[in-house]
Amino acid sequence: MRHGLRKEPLSRAIAQEGPTLLEEIIPKDSEEKGRRNITWKLFRGLAGSVVDSIMTKVEALQTSFYLRFSYTYQLRNIENGKVMLFHTNLGGSPTLLTTYAAAREWLHEKDASRLDQTK
């Protein structure tokens, strides 16, 4: 139902539907499983390091693995509102990772280059 059909104040409707609207605007993290790969997409908490949130997912793996690290910025023109996507692929792990410590070290390196905007 739209607000015009309700008999409750608009402020109450916003308070009740706010979390749902926020989920539509900024979705939660997602996971897509393929036959031989898993893709994790993070949408929140990207201003800081994402290593800990990725490592919680990596630690659930039961086998050795390769990692790839990429990210996409959404740039919005403030004059006309047009959106441009800027995708950067930072590459994959050079070897098969067999320990979580090696994965964490590699992720720290890639995440540091993501956070360093001057490169």
C-alpha atoms as a PDB file:
ATOM      1  CA  MET A   1       0.000   0.000   0.000  1.00  0.00           C
ATOM      2  CA  ARG A   2       1.090   3.501  -0.693  1.00  0.00           C
ATOM      3  CA  HIS A   3       1.008   6.148   2.021  1.00  0.00           C
ATOM      4  CA  GLY A   4      -1.968   7.929   0.441  1.00  0.00           C
ATOM      5  CA  LEU A   5      -4.174   4.911   1.145  1.00  0.00           C
ATOM      6  CA  ARG A   6      -3.186   4.633   4.807  1.00  0.00           C
ATOM      7  CA  LYS A   7      -4.650   6.431   7.769  1.00  0.00           C
ATOM      8  CA  GLU A   8      -1.368   6.714   9.661  1.00  0.00           C
ATOM      9  CA  PRO A   9       0.973   9.732   9.661  1.00  0.00           C
ATOM     10  CA  LEU A  10       3.780   9.856   7.106  1.00  0.00           C
ATOM     11  CA  SER A  11       6.441   9.969   9.860  1.00  0.00           C
ATOM     12  CA  ARG A  12       5.195   6.654  11.281  1.00  0.00           C
ATOM     13  CA  ALA A  13       5.151   5.087   7.806  1.00  0.00           C
ATOM     14  CA  ILE A  14       8.757   6.188   7.241  1.00  0.00           C
ATOM     15  CA  ALA A  15       9.820   4.828  10.641  1.00  0.00           C
ATOM     16  CA  GLN A  16       8.204   1.465   9.895  1.00  0.00           C
ATOM     17  CA  GLU A  17       9.391   1.151   6.299  1.00  0.00           C
ATOM     18  CA  GLY A  18      12.806   2.798   6.763  1.00  0.00           C
ATOM     19  CA  PRO A  19      14.825  -0.434   7.274  1.00  0.00           C
ATOM     20  CA  THR A  20      13.164  -2.013   4.230  1.00  0.00           C
ATOM     21  CA  LEU A  21      13.959   1.017   2.107  1.00  0.00           C
ATOM     22  CA  LEU A  22      17.547   1.032   3.370  1.00  0.00           C
ATOM     23  CA  GLU A  23      17.943  -2.623   2.327  1.00  0.00           C
ATOM     24  CA  GLU A  24      16.770  -1.704  -1.174  1.00  0.00           C
ATOM     25  CA  ILE A  25      19.226   1.203  -1.397  1.00  0.00           C
ATOM     26  CA  ILE A  26      22.215  -0.469   0.292  1.00  0.00           C
ATOM     27  CA  PRO A  27      21.868  -4.252   0.142  1.00  0.00           C
ATOM     28  CA  LYS A  28      23.565  -6.545   2.631  1.00  0.00           C
ATOM     29  CA  ASP A  29      26.635  -8.533   1.671  1.00  0.00           C
ATOM     30  CA  SER A  30      25.959 -11.288  -0.819  1.00  0.00           C
ATOM     31  CA  GLU A  31      27.467 -14.632  -1.731  1.00  0.00           C
ATOM     32  CA  GLU A  32      27.194 -16.397  -5.082  1.00  0.00           C
ATOM     33  CA  LYS A  33      28.359 -19.984  -5.343  1.00  0.00           C
ATOM     34  CA  GLY A  34      29.386 -21.486  -8.640  1.00  0.00           C
ATOM     35  CA  ARG A  35      30.734 -24.899  -9.483  1.00  0.00           C
ATOM     36  CA  ARG A  36      34.324 -24.006  -8.669  1.00  0.00           C
ATOM     37  CA  ASN A  37      34.179 -20.487  -7.297  1.00  0.00           C
ATOM     38  CA  ILE A  38      32.520 -18.346  -4.653  1.00  0.00           C
ATOM     39  CA  THR A  39      31.981 -14.617  -5.153  1.00  0.00           C
ATOM     40  CA  TRP A  40      31.512 -12.392  -2.122  1.00  0.00           C
ATOM     41  CA  LYS A  41      30.177  -8.868  -2.606  1.00  0.00           C
ATOM     42  CA  LEU A  42      30.483  -6.337   0.203  1.00  0.00           C
ATOM     43  CA  PHE A  43      28.286  -3.233   0.154  1.00  0.00           C
ATOM     44  CA  ARG A  44      28.717  -1.820   3.663  1.00  0.00           C
ATOM     45  CA  GLY A  45      31.646  -0.733   5.786  1.00  0.00           C
ATOM     46  CA  LEU A  46      33.899  -0.041   2.824  1.00  0.00           C
ATOM     47  CA  ALA A  47      35.478   3.148   4.172  1.00  0.00           C
ATOM     48  CA  GLY A  48      37.814   1.064   6.324  1.00  0.00           C
ATOM     49  CA  SER A  49      39.524  -2.264   5.982  1.00  0.00           C
ATOM     50  CA  VAL A  50      37.430  -5.191   4.718  1.00  0.00           C
ATOM     51  CA  VAL A  51      39.999  -7.864   5.606  1.00  0.00           C
ATOM     52  CA  ASP A  52      38.231  -9.063   8.763  1.00  0.00           C
ATOM     53  CA  SER A  53      34.840  -9.407   7.063  1.00  0.00           C
ATOM     54  CA  ILE A  54      36.396 -11.355   4.168  1.00  0.00           C
ATOM     55  CA  MET A  55      38.489 -13.535   6.474  1.00  0.00           C
ATOM     56  CA  THR A  56      35.388 -14.694   8.361  1.00  0.00           C
ATOM     57  CA  LYS A  57      34.138 -16.052   5.038  1.00  0.00           C
ATOM     58  CA  VAL A  58      37.521 -17.497   4.023  1.00  0.00           C
ATOM     59  CA  GLU A  59      37.926 -19.321   7.341  1.00  0.00           C
ATOM     60  CA  ALA A  60      34.768 -21.298   6.580  1.00  0.00           C
ATOM     61  CA  LEU A  61      36.465 -22.890   3.548  1.00  0.00           C
ATOM     62  CA  GLN A  62      37.601 -26.475   3.963  1.00  0.00           C
ATOM     63  CA  THR A  63      40.213 -26.556   1.196  1.00  0.00           C
ATOM     64  CA  SER A  64      43.122 -24.596  -0.255  1.00  0.00           C
ATOM     65  CA  PHE A  65      42.109 -21.709  -2.502  1.00  0.00           C
ATOM     66  CA  TYR A  66      43.043 -18.825  -4.764  1.00  0.00           C
ATOM     67  CA  LEU A  67      41.808 -15.312  -4.046  1.00  0.00           C
ATOM     68  CA  ARG A  68      41.045 -12.482  -6.454  1.00  0.00           C
ATOM     69  CA  PHE A  69      40.454  -8.922  -5.317  1.00  0.00           C
ATOM     70  CA  SER A  70      38.524  -6.322  -7.276  1.00  0.00           C
ATOM     71  CA  TYR A  71      36.280  -3.401  -6.437  1.00  0.00           C
ATOM     72  CA  THR A  72      33.945  -0.964  -8.166  1.00  0.00           C
ATOM     73  CA  TYR A  73      33.387   2.691  -7.377  1.00  0.00           C
ATOM     74  CA  GLN A  74      30.143   4.335  -8.361  1.00  0.00           C
ATOM     75  CA  LEU A  75      30.879   7.906  -9.428  1.00  0.00           C
ATOM     76  CA  ARG A  76      27.924  10.298  -9.655  1.00  0.00           C
ATOM     77  CA  ASN A  77      28.072  13.581 -11.567  1.00  0.00           C
ATOM     78  CA  ILE A  78      26.742  16.267  -9.209  1.00  0.00           C
ATOM     79  CA  GLU A  79      25.566  18.458 -12.096  1.00  0.00           C
ATOM     80  CA  ASN A  80      23.393  16.025 -14.036  1.00  0.00           C
ATOM     81  CA  GLY A  81      23.173  12.961 -11.748  1.00  0.00           C
ATOM     82  CA  LYS A  82      24.620  10.508 -14.283  1.00  0.00           C
ATOM     83  CA  VAL A  83      26.419   7.496 -12.804  1.00  0.00           C
ATOM     84  CA  MET A  84      29.666   6.002 -14.055  1.00  0.00           C
ATOM     85  CA  LEU A  85      31.158   2.766 -12.748  1.00  0.00           C
ATOM     86  CA  PHE A  86      34.917   2.601 -12.195  1.00  0.00           C
ATOM     87  CA  HIS A  87      36.060  -1.011 -11.835  1.00  0.00           C
ATOM     88  CA  THR A  88      39.547  -1.976 -10.692  1.00  0.00           C
ATOM     89  CA  ASN A  89      40.893  -5.510 -10.623  1.00  0.00           C
ATOM     90  CA  LEU A  90      43.853  -5.818  -8.262  1.00  0.00           C
ATOM     91  CA  GLY A  91      44.646  -9.324  -9.455  1.00  0.00           C
ATOM     92  CA  GLY A  92      44.698 -12.733  -7.900  1.00  0.00           C
ATOM     93  CA  SER A  93      46.863 -14.509  -5.397  1.00  0.00           C
ATOM     94  CA  PRO A  94      50.120 -15.633  -7.029  1.00  0.00           C
ATOM     95  CA  THR A  95      49.921 -19.176  -5.662  1.00  0.00           C
ATOM     96  CA  LEU A  96      47.466 -21.554  -4.121  1.00  0.00           C
ATOM     97  CA  LEU A  97      46.842 -20.358  -0.549  1.00  0.00           C
ATOM     98  CA  THR A  98      46.921 -23.135   2.015  1.00  0.00           C
ATOM     99  CA  THR A  99      46.954 -21.166   5.289  1.00  0.00           C
ATOM    100  CA  TYR A 100      44.705 -18.461   6.652  1.00  0.00           C
ATOM    101  CA  ALA A 101      47.745 -16.394   7.677  1.00  0.00           C
ATOM    102  CA  ALA A 102      48.932 -16.247   4.059  1.00  0.00           C
ATOM    103  CA  ALA A 103      45.437 -15.274   2.934  1.00  0.00           C
ATOM    104  CA  ARG A 104      45.199 -12.524   5.567  1.00  0.00           C
ATOM    105  CA  GLU A 105      48.617 -11.124   4.595  1.00  0.00           C
ATOM    106  CA  TRP A 106      47.699 -11.075   0.886  1.00  0.00           C
ATOM    107  CA  LEU A 107      44.321  -9.453   1.626  1.00  0.00           C
ATOM    108  CA  HIS A 108      45.970  -6.778   3.803  1.00  0.00           C
ATOM    109  CA  GLU A 109      48.282  -5.891   0.927  1.00  0.00           C
ATOM    110  CA  LYS A 110      45.438  -5.606  -1.614  1.00  0.00           C
ATOM    111  CA  ASP A 111      43.130  -3.783   0.775  1.00  0.00           C
ATOM    112  CA  ALA A 112      45.862  -1.250   1.589  1.00  0.00           C
ATOM    113  CA  SER A 113      46.200  -0.448  -2.114  1.00  0.00           C
ATOM    114  CA  ARG A 114      42.385  -0.101  -2.374  1.00  0.00           C
ATOM    115  CA  LEU A 115      42.325   2.348   0.523  1.00  0.00           C
ATOM    116  CA  ASP A 116      45.305   4.329  -0.806  1.00  0.00           C
ATOM    117  CA  GLN A 117      43.606   6.678  -3.247  1.00  0.00           C
ATOM    118  CA  THR A 118      46.856   8.239  -4.514  1.00  0.00           C
ATOM    119  CA  LYS A 119      47.920   5.197  -6.584  1.00  0.00           C
END
